[in-house]
Amino acid sequence: MLPFTEQINHHAARLLKLKDIRTVDLIEFLQAIEIDDELLSQLMHPDSTHPYGRRVFLNHPRLEVMVATWTRGVPCAPHDHHDSRSAIRVLQGRSHHRMFQCRTGHLKETLSERKGKGDVLLCPPYQIHAMGDDNAEVLLMTLHVYTGSIDNMVVYSDTETLIVSGACGAWVPEAECDVIARCQGHVLRQEVPV
């Protein structure tokens, strides 16, 4: 088995040769990465101050790859991935994944699913979703691949819609400098005054 970073770079090189990276290409990428228990323990990067600890392994204008180690009992905020297509592979644990639509100033849940080791979650561009550790025997870890880095993600708090910088994860940032724009209530991206 190749070292993790070499695997990422090797499989990413194939994707980056494609004119258009499709969802099926992202799924194949995730399934091609070999990860054993020893590697999982090396990749683990908890951050109890946020919903997940994040380790970015590739940040290319057309492709981003990261591993998330999830904090128990702290799901991420509902958010979108802007115009990025994304796929997420559960490496260990179990995820509670939810999707939403924004209607008449409120988020309405349209899907609630639980996914275990080896399962892949998909998020099309502009899809609002949230996920978190579902309290399985082991802590949730996930491998994420996105078509492009996610800048200017929309994050929903209980009362606001925020556009946040790429430096922030899927949570309401503590630092005001990570907030690009905000408005009261829940609205779609194009309705947030920038």
Protein backbone atom coordinates (compact mmCIF):
# COMPACT_ATOMS: atom_id res chain seq x y z
CA MET A 1 0.00 0.00 0.00
CA LEU A 2 1.34 3.43 -0.98
CA PRO A 3 1.58 6.13 1.70
CA PHE A 4 -1.67 8.10 2.02
CA THR A 5 -0.43 11.35 0.45
CA GLU A 6 1.06 9.46 -2.48
CA GLN A 7 -2.25 7.67 -3.02
CA ILE A 8 -4.10 10.99 -2.98
CA ASN A 9 -1.68 12.59 -5.44
CA HIS A 10 -1.62 9.54 -7.73
CA HIS A 11 -5.41 9.25 -8.03
CA ALA A 12 -5.88 13.04 -8.15
CA ALA A 13 -3.49 13.28 -11.12
CA ARG A 14 -5.86 11.03 -13.10
CA LEU A 15 -8.87 13.18 -12.19
CA LEU A 16 -7.10 16.42 -13.02
CA LYS A 17 -6.50 15.19 -16.58
CA LEU A 18 -10.27 15.04 -17.15
CA LYS A 19 -11.97 18.00 -18.77
CA ASP A 20 -14.99 17.62 -16.46
CA ILE A 21 -14.84 15.78 -13.13
CA ARG A 22 -18.13 13.95 -12.65
CA THR A 23 -19.68 12.57 -9.47
CA VAL A 24 -18.88 9.01 -10.58
CA ASP A 25 -15.21 10.05 -10.87
CA LEU A 26 -15.27 11.30 -7.26
CA ILE A 27 -16.81 8.02 -6.06
CA GLU A 28 -14.14 6.00 -7.90
CA PHE A 29 -11.45 8.23 -6.38
CA LEU A 30 -12.74 7.59 -2.84
CA GLN A 31 -13.03 3.86 -3.38
CA ALA A 32 -9.49 3.61 -4.78
CA ILE A 33 -7.86 4.99 -1.61
CA GLU A 34 -6.61 2.17 0.64
CA ILE A 35 -6.79 2.83 4.37
CA ASP A 36 -6.03 0.35 7.15
CA ASP A 37 -6.44 0.77 10.93
CA GLU A 38 -2.85 1.94 11.41
CA LEU A 39 -3.29 4.66 8.79
CA LEU A 40 -6.62 5.68 10.32
CA SER A 41 -4.94 6.29 13.67
CA GLN A 42 -2.29 8.42 11.92
CA LEU A 43 -4.95 10.45 10.09
CA MET A 44 -7.02 11.10 13.22
CA HIS A 45 -7.08 14.83 13.99
CA PRO A 46 -9.75 15.66 16.58
CA ASP A 47 -10.74 19.24 17.41
CA SER A 48 -13.16 19.36 20.32
CA THR A 49 -13.75 23.11 19.80
CA HIS A 50 -15.46 22.44 16.43
CA PRO A 51 -17.73 19.79 14.91
CA TYR A 52 -14.68 18.18 13.33
CA GLY A 53 -10.93 18.43 13.03
CA ARG A 54 -9.88 18.92 9.44
CA ARG A 55 -6.73 17.85 7.63
CA VAL A 56 -6.46 19.01 4.01
CA PHE A 57 -4.25 16.76 1.88
CA LEU A 58 -4.81 18.37 -1.51
CA ASN A 59 -5.94 21.90 -2.27
CA HIS A 60 -5.89 22.35 -6.04
CA PRO A 61 -8.14 24.88 -7.84
CA ARG A 62 -10.04 21.92 -9.38
CA LEU A 63 -9.87 19.37 -6.55
CA GLU A 64 -9.74 19.38 -2.75
CA VAL A 65 -9.24 16.33 -0.54
CA MET A 66 -9.53 16.31 3.24
CA VAL A 67 -10.06 13.96 6.19
CA ALA A 68 -12.42 14.94 9.01
CA THR A 69 -12.37 13.53 12.55
CA TRP A 70 -15.79 14.26 14.06
CA THR A 71 -16.55 15.47 17.58
CA ARG A 72 -19.18 13.38 19.37
CA GLY A 73 -22.46 15.19 19.94
CA VAL A 74 -21.51 18.21 17.81
CA PRO A 75 -22.92 18.04 14.27
CA CYS A 76 -21.78 20.62 11.74
CA ALA A 77 -24.10 23.47 10.83
CA PRO A 78 -26.30 23.14 7.75
CA HIS A 79 -24.22 24.45 4.85
CA ASP A 80 -23.68 24.24 1.12
CA HIS A 81 -20.51 23.51 -0.83
CA HIS A 82 -21.09 26.44 -3.19
CA ASP A 83 -20.71 25.29 -6.82
CA SER A 84 -18.58 22.29 -5.87
CA ARG A 85 -19.65 18.69 -6.45
CA SER A 86 -18.66 16.50 -3.51
CA ALA A 87 -18.45 12.94 -2.27
CA ILE A 88 -17.71 11.75 1.28
CA ARG A 89 -16.59 8.25 2.28
CA VAL A 90 -17.16 7.01 5.82
CA LEU A 91 -13.82 5.60 7.00
CA GLN A 92 -15.00 4.48 10.43
CA GLY A 93 -17.94 5.06 12.74
CA ARG A 94 -21.41 6.06 11.57
CA SER A 95 -22.64 9.35 10.15
CA HIS A 96 -26.02 10.99 10.57
CA HIS A 97 -26.45 12.88 7.29
CA ARG A 98 -29.27 15.36 6.67
CA MET A 99 -30.29 17.41 3.63
CA PHE A 100 -32.40 20.56 3.58
CA GLN A 101 -34.22 22.96 1.29
CA CYS A 102 -34.61 26.63 2.10
CA ARG A 103 -38.28 27.62 1.85
CA THR A 104 -40.07 30.76 2.99
CA GLY A 105 -37.29 31.82 5.34
CA HIS A 106 -36.77 28.43 6.97
CA LEU A 107 -34.75 25.27 6.45
CA LYS A 108 -36.90 22.21 5.82
CA GLU A 109 -35.29 18.80 6.26
CA THR A 110 -35.78 16.65 3.14
CA LEU A 111 -33.57 13.64 4.00
CA SER A 112 -32.20 11.98 7.14
CA GLU A 113 -29.93 8.97 6.71
CA ARG A 114 -27.28 7.05 8.58
CA LYS A 115 -24.19 5.78 6.78
CA GLY A 116 -21.50 3.40 8.05
CA LYS A 117 -17.97 2.37 7.15
CA GLY A 118 -17.43 2.21 3.38
CA ASP A 119 -20.60 4.12 2.49
CA VAL A 120 -20.37 7.22 0.30
CA LEU A 121 -22.48 10.36 0.75
CA LEU A 122 -23.06 12.69 -2.19
CA CYS A 123 -23.76 16.42 -2.28
CA PRO A 124 -24.46 18.21 -5.56
CA PRO A 125 -23.60 21.91 -5.96
CA TYR A 126 -25.63 24.26 -3.75
CA GLN A 127 -27.23 21.36 -1.81
CA ILE A 128 -27.70 22.31 1.84
CA HIS A 129 -26.66 19.48 4.14
CA ALA A 130 -25.35 18.74 7.63
CA MET A 131 -23.76 15.71 9.23
CA GLY A 132 -22.23 14.51 12.44
CA ASP A 133 -21.07 11.52 14.47
CA ASP A 134 -23.97 9.14 15.15
CA ASN A 135 -22.44 7.60 18.32
CA ALA A 136 -21.33 4.27 16.87
CA GLU A 137 -18.71 2.21 18.73
CA VAL A 138 -15.87 4.19 17.15
CA LEU A 139 -15.48 7.88 16.40
CA LEU A 140 -16.63 9.03 12.95
CA MET A 141 -13.89 9.72 10.41
CA THR A 142 -14.63 10.70 6.82
CA LEU A 143 -12.66 11.24 3.60
CA HIS A 144 -13.97 14.15 1.49
CA VAL A 145 -13.29 15.04 -2.13
CA TYR A 146 -14.62 18.22 -3.76
CA THR A 147 -14.45 19.55 -7.30
CA GLY A 148 -12.46 22.66 -6.40
CA SER A 149 -11.75 24.27 -3.07
CA ILE A 150 -14.82 25.54 -1.32
CA ASP A 151 -14.60 29.28 -0.94
CA ASN A 152 -17.51 31.37 0.27
CA MET A 153 -19.55 28.52 1.74
CA VAL A 154 -23.03 29.35 3.04
CA VAL A 155 -23.52 28.32 6.68
CA TYR A 156 -26.85 28.49 8.52
CA SER A 157 -27.05 29.30 12.23
CA ASP A 158 -30.33 28.98 14.13
CA THR A 159 -31.27 32.55 13.15
CA GLU A 160 -28.95 33.70 10.35
CA THR A 161 -27.51 32.89 6.94
CA LEU A 162 -23.78 33.54 6.68
CA ILE A 163 -21.30 33.40 3.83
CA VAL A 164 -17.95 32.36 5.32
CA SER A 165 -14.38 32.30 4.04
CA GLY A 166 -12.67 29.14 2.85
CA ALA A 167 -10.60 29.12 6.05
CA CYS A 168 -13.72 28.30 8.06
CA GLY A 169 -15.29 24.85 8.25
CA ALA A 170 -19.00 24.03 8.35
CA TRP A 171 -19.74 25.99 11.51
CA VAL A 172 -20.51 29.56 12.54
CA PRO A 173 -17.05 31.14 12.82
CA GLU A 174 -15.81 32.66 16.05
CA ALA A 175 -13.77 35.31 14.21
CA GLU A 176 -15.79 38.00 12.48
CA CYS A 177 -13.04 38.26 9.84
CA ASP A 178 -14.18 34.82 8.54
CA VAL A 179 -17.69 36.18 7.85
CA ILE A 180 -17.98 37.64 4.35
CA ALA A 181 -21.69 38.47 4.59
CA ARG A 182 -24.66 37.71 6.81
CA CYS A 183 -28.38 38.33 7.00
CA GLN A 184 -31.22 37.51 9.38
CA GLY A 185 -33.31 34.43 8.70
CA HIS A 186 -32.65 31.55 6.34
CA VAL A 187 -32.30 32.47 2.69
CA LEU A 188 -30.61 31.09 -0.40
CA ARG A 189 -27.09 32.18 -1.30
CA GLN A 190 -28.18 34.67 -3.96
CA GLU A 191 -30.40 36.47 -1.42
CA VAL A 192 -27.54 37.30 0.98
CA PRO A 193 -26.44 40.91 0.40
CA VAL A 194 -22.67 40.95 -0.15
